[in-house]
């Protein structure tokens, strides 16, 4: 059960990695993760700089973001942690 309804940074990162697992453009990540443009840019910058997401140019100026192996490993770790501590809403 969650006391605070706001998402943590870790939950937002996990959601972005989940969306990026099959590849997604910025707008899909932003809308599916329910974030503002500025939030999405901040997290996207962090995730790409750390090697968790990789941007692939699919046209000009289209870029699709994919979770890297490192990103998928992080997602699996986050999911495991959240499950153990009962932090996911079911």
N, C-alpha and C. Protein backbone atom coordinates (compact mmCIF):
# COMPACT_ATOMS: atom_id res chain seq x y z
N UNK A 1 0.85 -1.19 0.00
CA UNK A 1 0.00 0.00 0.00
C UNK A 1 0.88 1.24 0.00
N UNK A 2 0.52 2.19 -0.81
CA UNK A 2 1.30 3.43 -0.92
C UNK A 2 0.67 4.52 -0.08
N UNK A 3 1.50 5.21 0.67
CA UNK A 3 1.04 6.34 1.46
C UNK A 3 1.08 7.59 0.60
N UNK A 4 2.21 7.80 -0.06
CA UNK A 4 2.40 8.97 -0.92
C UNK A 4 2.02 8.59 -2.35
N UNK A 5 1.08 9.31 -2.94
CA UNK A 5 0.63 8.96 -4.29
C UNK A 5 1.57 9.46 -5.38
N UNK A 6 2.51 10.33 -5.05
CA UNK A 6 3.49 10.81 -6.03
C UNK A 6 4.48 9.70 -6.34
N UNK A 7 4.92 9.63 -7.57
CA UNK A 7 5.89 8.62 -7.96
C UNK A 7 7.29 9.06 -7.59
N UNK A 8 8.09 8.09 -7.23
CA UNK A 8 9.50 8.37 -6.95
C UNK A 8 10.27 8.42 -8.26
N UNK A 9 11.49 8.94 -8.18
CA UNK A 9 12.37 8.95 -9.35
C UNK A 9 12.56 7.53 -9.88
N UNK A 10 12.71 6.59 -8.98
CA UNK A 10 12.93 5.19 -9.38
C UNK A 10 11.72 4.65 -10.14
N UNK A 11 10.53 4.97 -9.68
CA UNK A 11 9.32 4.50 -10.37
C UNK A 11 9.21 5.12 -11.77
N UNK A 12 9.56 6.38 -11.89
CA UNK A 12 9.52 7.05 -13.19
C UNK A 12 10.55 6.44 -14.13
N UNK A 13 11.75 6.21 -13.63
CA UNK A 13 12.80 5.59 -14.43
C UNK A 13 12.38 4.21 -14.88
N UNK A 14 11.80 3.42 -13.98
CA UNK A 14 11.34 2.07 -14.34
C UNK A 14 10.28 2.14 -15.44
N UNK A 15 9.36 3.07 -15.32
CA UNK A 15 8.31 3.20 -16.33
C UNK A 15 8.89 3.58 -17.68
N UNK A 16 9.84 4.49 -17.69
CA UNK A 16 10.47 4.90 -18.95
C UNK A 16 11.24 3.73 -19.58
N UNK A 17 11.92 2.94 -18.76
CA UNK A 17 12.63 1.78 -19.29
C UNK A 17 11.66 0.74 -19.82
N UNK A 18 10.55 0.56 -19.14
CA UNK A 18 9.52 -0.38 -19.58
C UNK A 18 8.97 0.03 -20.94
N UNK A 19 8.71 1.31 -21.11
CA UNK A 19 8.19 1.83 -22.38
C UNK A 19 9.26 1.68 -23.46
N UNK A 20 10.51 1.93 -23.11
CA UNK A 20 11.60 1.84 -24.06
C UNK A 20 12.05 0.43 -24.39
N UNK A 21 11.52 -0.56 -23.69
CA UNK A 21 11.91 -1.95 -23.94
C UNK A 21 11.63 -2.35 -25.39
N UNK A 22 10.56 -1.84 -25.97
CA UNK A 22 10.21 -2.14 -27.36
C UNK A 22 10.51 -0.99 -28.30
N UNK A 23 11.13 0.05 -27.78
CA UNK A 23 11.43 1.22 -28.59
C UNK A 23 10.26 2.18 -28.63
N UNK A 24 10.53 3.45 -28.41
CA UNK A 24 9.48 4.46 -28.39
C UNK A 24 10.07 5.84 -28.64
N UNK A 25 9.34 6.69 -29.37
CA UNK A 25 9.78 8.07 -29.53
C UNK A 25 9.51 8.86 -28.25
N UNK A 26 10.09 10.05 -28.18
CA UNK A 26 9.93 10.91 -26.99
C UNK A 26 8.47 11.12 -26.60
N UNK A 27 7.63 11.39 -27.59
CA UNK A 27 6.23 11.71 -27.26
C UNK A 27 5.53 10.52 -26.63
N UNK A 28 5.78 9.31 -27.10
CA UNK A 28 5.15 8.13 -26.51
C UNK A 28 5.64 7.93 -25.08
N UNK A 29 6.94 8.12 -24.88
CA UNK A 29 7.49 8.00 -23.52
C UNK A 29 6.82 9.02 -22.61
N UNK A 30 6.73 10.25 -23.08
CA UNK A 30 6.15 11.33 -22.27
C UNK A 30 4.70 11.04 -21.92
N UNK A 31 3.89 10.68 -22.90
CA UNK A 31 2.46 10.45 -22.63
C UNK A 31 2.21 9.16 -21.86
N UNK A 32 2.89 8.08 -22.23
CA UNK A 32 2.66 6.81 -21.54
C UNK A 32 3.16 6.83 -20.10
N UNK A 33 4.20 7.61 -19.84
CA UNK A 33 4.72 7.72 -18.48
C UNK A 33 4.06 8.87 -17.71
N UNK A 34 3.13 9.56 -18.38
CA UNK A 34 2.37 10.64 -17.74
C UNK A 34 3.29 11.70 -17.14
N UNK A 35 4.12 12.30 -18.01
CA UNK A 35 5.08 13.29 -17.56
C UNK A 35 4.94 14.55 -18.41
N UNK A 36 5.44 15.63 -17.86
CA UNK A 36 5.52 16.87 -18.63
C UNK A 36 6.73 16.78 -19.55
N UNK A 37 6.80 17.68 -20.52
CA UNK A 37 7.91 17.70 -21.46
C UNK A 37 9.24 17.93 -20.72
N UNK A 38 9.25 18.86 -19.78
CA UNK A 38 10.50 19.15 -19.06
C UNK A 38 10.94 17.96 -18.21
N UNK A 39 10.00 17.27 -17.58
CA UNK A 39 10.34 16.06 -16.81
C UNK A 39 10.94 15.01 -17.73
N UNK A 40 10.27 14.78 -18.85
CA UNK A 40 10.72 13.76 -19.79
C UNK A 40 12.13 14.06 -20.27
N UNK A 41 12.42 15.32 -20.61
CA UNK A 41 13.75 15.69 -21.08
C UNK A 41 14.81 15.44 -20.00
N UNK A 42 14.49 15.78 -18.76
CA UNK A 42 15.44 15.58 -17.66
C UNK A 42 15.77 14.10 -17.48
N UNK A 43 14.73 13.27 -17.40
CA UNK A 43 14.95 11.85 -17.19
C UNK A 43 15.57 11.19 -18.42
N UNK A 44 15.16 11.60 -19.60
CA UNK A 44 15.70 11.04 -20.84
C UNK A 44 17.19 11.35 -20.94
N UNK A 45 17.57 12.54 -20.59
CA UNK A 45 18.98 12.92 -20.60
C UNK A 45 19.77 12.04 -19.63
N UNK A 46 19.25 11.87 -18.44
CA UNK A 46 19.93 11.04 -17.44
C UNK A 46 20.07 9.60 -17.94
N UNK A 47 18.98 9.03 -18.45
CA UNK A 47 18.99 7.63 -18.86
C UNK A 47 19.89 7.38 -20.07
N UNK A 48 19.94 8.32 -20.98
CA UNK A 48 20.83 8.14 -22.14
C UNK A 48 22.29 8.37 -21.74
N UNK A 49 22.55 9.36 -20.91
CA UNK A 49 23.93 9.63 -20.47
C UNK A 49 24.51 8.48 -19.65
N UNK A 50 23.65 7.78 -18.92
CA UNK A 50 24.10 6.65 -18.09
C UNK A 50 24.13 5.33 -18.86
N UNK A 51 23.65 5.35 -20.11
CA UNK A 51 23.69 4.14 -20.93
C UNK A 51 22.53 3.20 -20.70
N UNK A 52 21.42 3.70 -20.12
CA UNK A 52 20.25 2.85 -19.89
C UNK A 52 19.27 2.89 -21.06
N UNK A 53 19.25 3.99 -21.79
CA UNK A 53 18.46 4.13 -23.01
C UNK A 53 19.40 4.58 -24.11
N UNK A 54 19.08 4.15 -25.32
CA UNK A 54 19.88 4.53 -26.48
C UNK A 54 18.95 5.09 -27.54
N UNK A 55 19.28 6.27 -28.04
CA UNK A 55 18.48 6.90 -29.09
C UNK A 55 18.95 6.45 -30.46
N UNK A 56 18.00 5.98 -31.28
CA UNK A 56 18.31 5.53 -32.63
C UNK A 56 17.57 6.44 -33.60
N UNK A 57 18.32 7.10 -34.48
CA UNK A 57 17.70 8.01 -35.46
C UNK A 57 16.95 7.17 -36.49
N UNK A 58 15.64 7.46 -36.60
CA UNK A 58 14.79 6.72 -37.54
C UNK A 58 14.33 7.61 -38.69
N UNK A 59 14.82 8.80 -38.74
CA UNK A 59 14.45 9.76 -39.77
C UNK A 59 14.99 11.11 -39.34
N UNK A 60 14.60 12.14 -40.06
CA UNK A 60 15.07 13.46 -39.67
C UNK A 60 13.88 14.29 -39.23
N UNK A 61 13.71 14.65 -38.00
CA UNK A 61 14.58 14.51 -36.84
C UNK A 61 14.16 13.38 -35.90
N UNK A 62 13.40 12.42 -36.36
CA UNK A 62 12.85 11.36 -35.50
C UNK A 62 13.92 10.50 -34.84
N UNK A 63 13.74 10.27 -33.54
CA UNK A 63 14.62 9.39 -32.77
C UNK A 63 13.74 8.46 -31.96
N UNK A 64 14.07 7.18 -32.00
CA UNK A 64 13.37 6.19 -31.19
C UNK A 64 14.33 5.75 -30.09
N UNK A 65 13.84 5.70 -28.87
CA UNK A 65 14.66 5.31 -27.72
C UNK A 65 14.38 3.86 -27.36
N UNK A 66 15.48 3.13 -27.16
CA UNK A 66 15.40 1.71 -26.81
C UNK A 66 16.16 1.49 -25.51
N UNK A 67 15.60 0.66 -24.65
CA UNK A 67 16.32 0.27 -23.44
C UNK A 67 17.50 -0.60 -23.85
N UNK A 68 18.66 -0.30 -23.29
CA UNK A 68 19.86 -1.10 -23.56
C UNK A 68 19.83 -2.33 -22.65
N UNK A 69 20.79 -3.23 -22.85
CA UNK A 69 20.90 -4.39 -21.96
C UNK A 69 21.08 -3.92 -20.52
N UNK A 70 21.88 -2.90 -20.36
CA UNK A 70 22.11 -2.32 -19.03
C UNK A 70 20.80 -1.78 -18.46
N UNK A 71 20.00 -1.11 -19.31
CA UNK A 71 18.71 -0.58 -18.88
C UNK A 71 17.73 -1.67 -18.50
N UNK A 72 17.70 -2.75 -19.28
CA UNK A 72 16.81 -3.87 -18.97
C UNK A 72 17.22 -4.56 -17.67
N UNK A 73 18.52 -4.63 -17.43
CA UNK A 73 19.02 -5.20 -16.17
C UNK A 73 18.59 -4.31 -14.99
N UNK A 74 18.71 -3.00 -15.16
CA UNK A 74 18.27 -2.08 -14.11
C UNK A 74 16.77 -2.23 -13.86
N UNK A 75 15.98 -2.33 -14.92
CA UNK A 75 14.53 -2.49 -14.78
C UNK A 75 14.20 -3.76 -14.01
N UNK A 76 14.88 -4.84 -14.34
CA UNK A 76 14.65 -6.11 -13.63
C UNK A 76 14.98 -5.96 -12.14
N UNK A 77 16.06 -5.26 -11.85
CA UNK A 77 16.46 -5.03 -10.45
C UNK A 77 15.43 -4.18 -9.72
N UNK A 78 14.96 -3.12 -10.37
CA UNK A 78 13.96 -2.25 -9.75
C UNK A 78 12.68 -3.03 -9.50
N UNK A 79 12.23 -3.80 -10.50
CA UNK A 79 11.00 -4.59 -10.34
C UNK A 79 11.12 -5.58 -9.19
N UNK A 80 12.28 -6.21 -9.08
CA UNK A 80 12.51 -7.15 -7.99
C UNK A 80 12.45 -6.47 -6.64
N UNK A 81 13.09 -5.34 -6.53
CA UNK A 81 13.09 -4.57 -5.28
C UNK A 81 11.67 -4.16 -4.91
N UNK A 82 10.95 -3.61 -5.89
CA UNK A 82 9.60 -3.12 -5.62
C UNK A 82 8.67 -4.27 -5.21
N UNK A 83 8.86 -5.44 -5.83
CA UNK A 83 8.03 -6.60 -5.49
C UNK A 83 8.32 -7.08 -4.07
N UNK A 84 9.61 -7.19 -3.74
CA UNK A 84 10.00 -7.66 -2.40
C UNK A 84 9.43 -6.76 -1.31
N UNK A 85 9.44 -5.47 -1.54
CA UNK A 85 8.97 -4.53 -0.54
C UNK A 85 7.50 -4.16 -0.69
N UNK A 86 6.81 -4.80 -1.62
CA UNK A 86 5.38 -4.57 -1.80
C UNK A 86 5.04 -3.15 -2.19
N UNK A 87 5.90 -2.54 -3.02
CA UNK A 87 5.69 -1.14 -3.36
C UNK A 87 4.93 -0.93 -4.65
N UNK A 88 4.60 -2.00 -5.37
CA UNK A 88 3.79 -1.84 -6.58
C UNK A 88 2.33 -1.89 -6.21
N UNK A 89 1.55 -1.02 -6.85
CA UNK A 89 0.10 -1.05 -6.66
C UNK A 89 -0.47 -2.17 -7.50
N UNK A 90 -1.29 -2.99 -6.91
CA UNK A 90 -1.96 -4.06 -7.67
C UNK A 90 -3.45 -3.87 -7.65
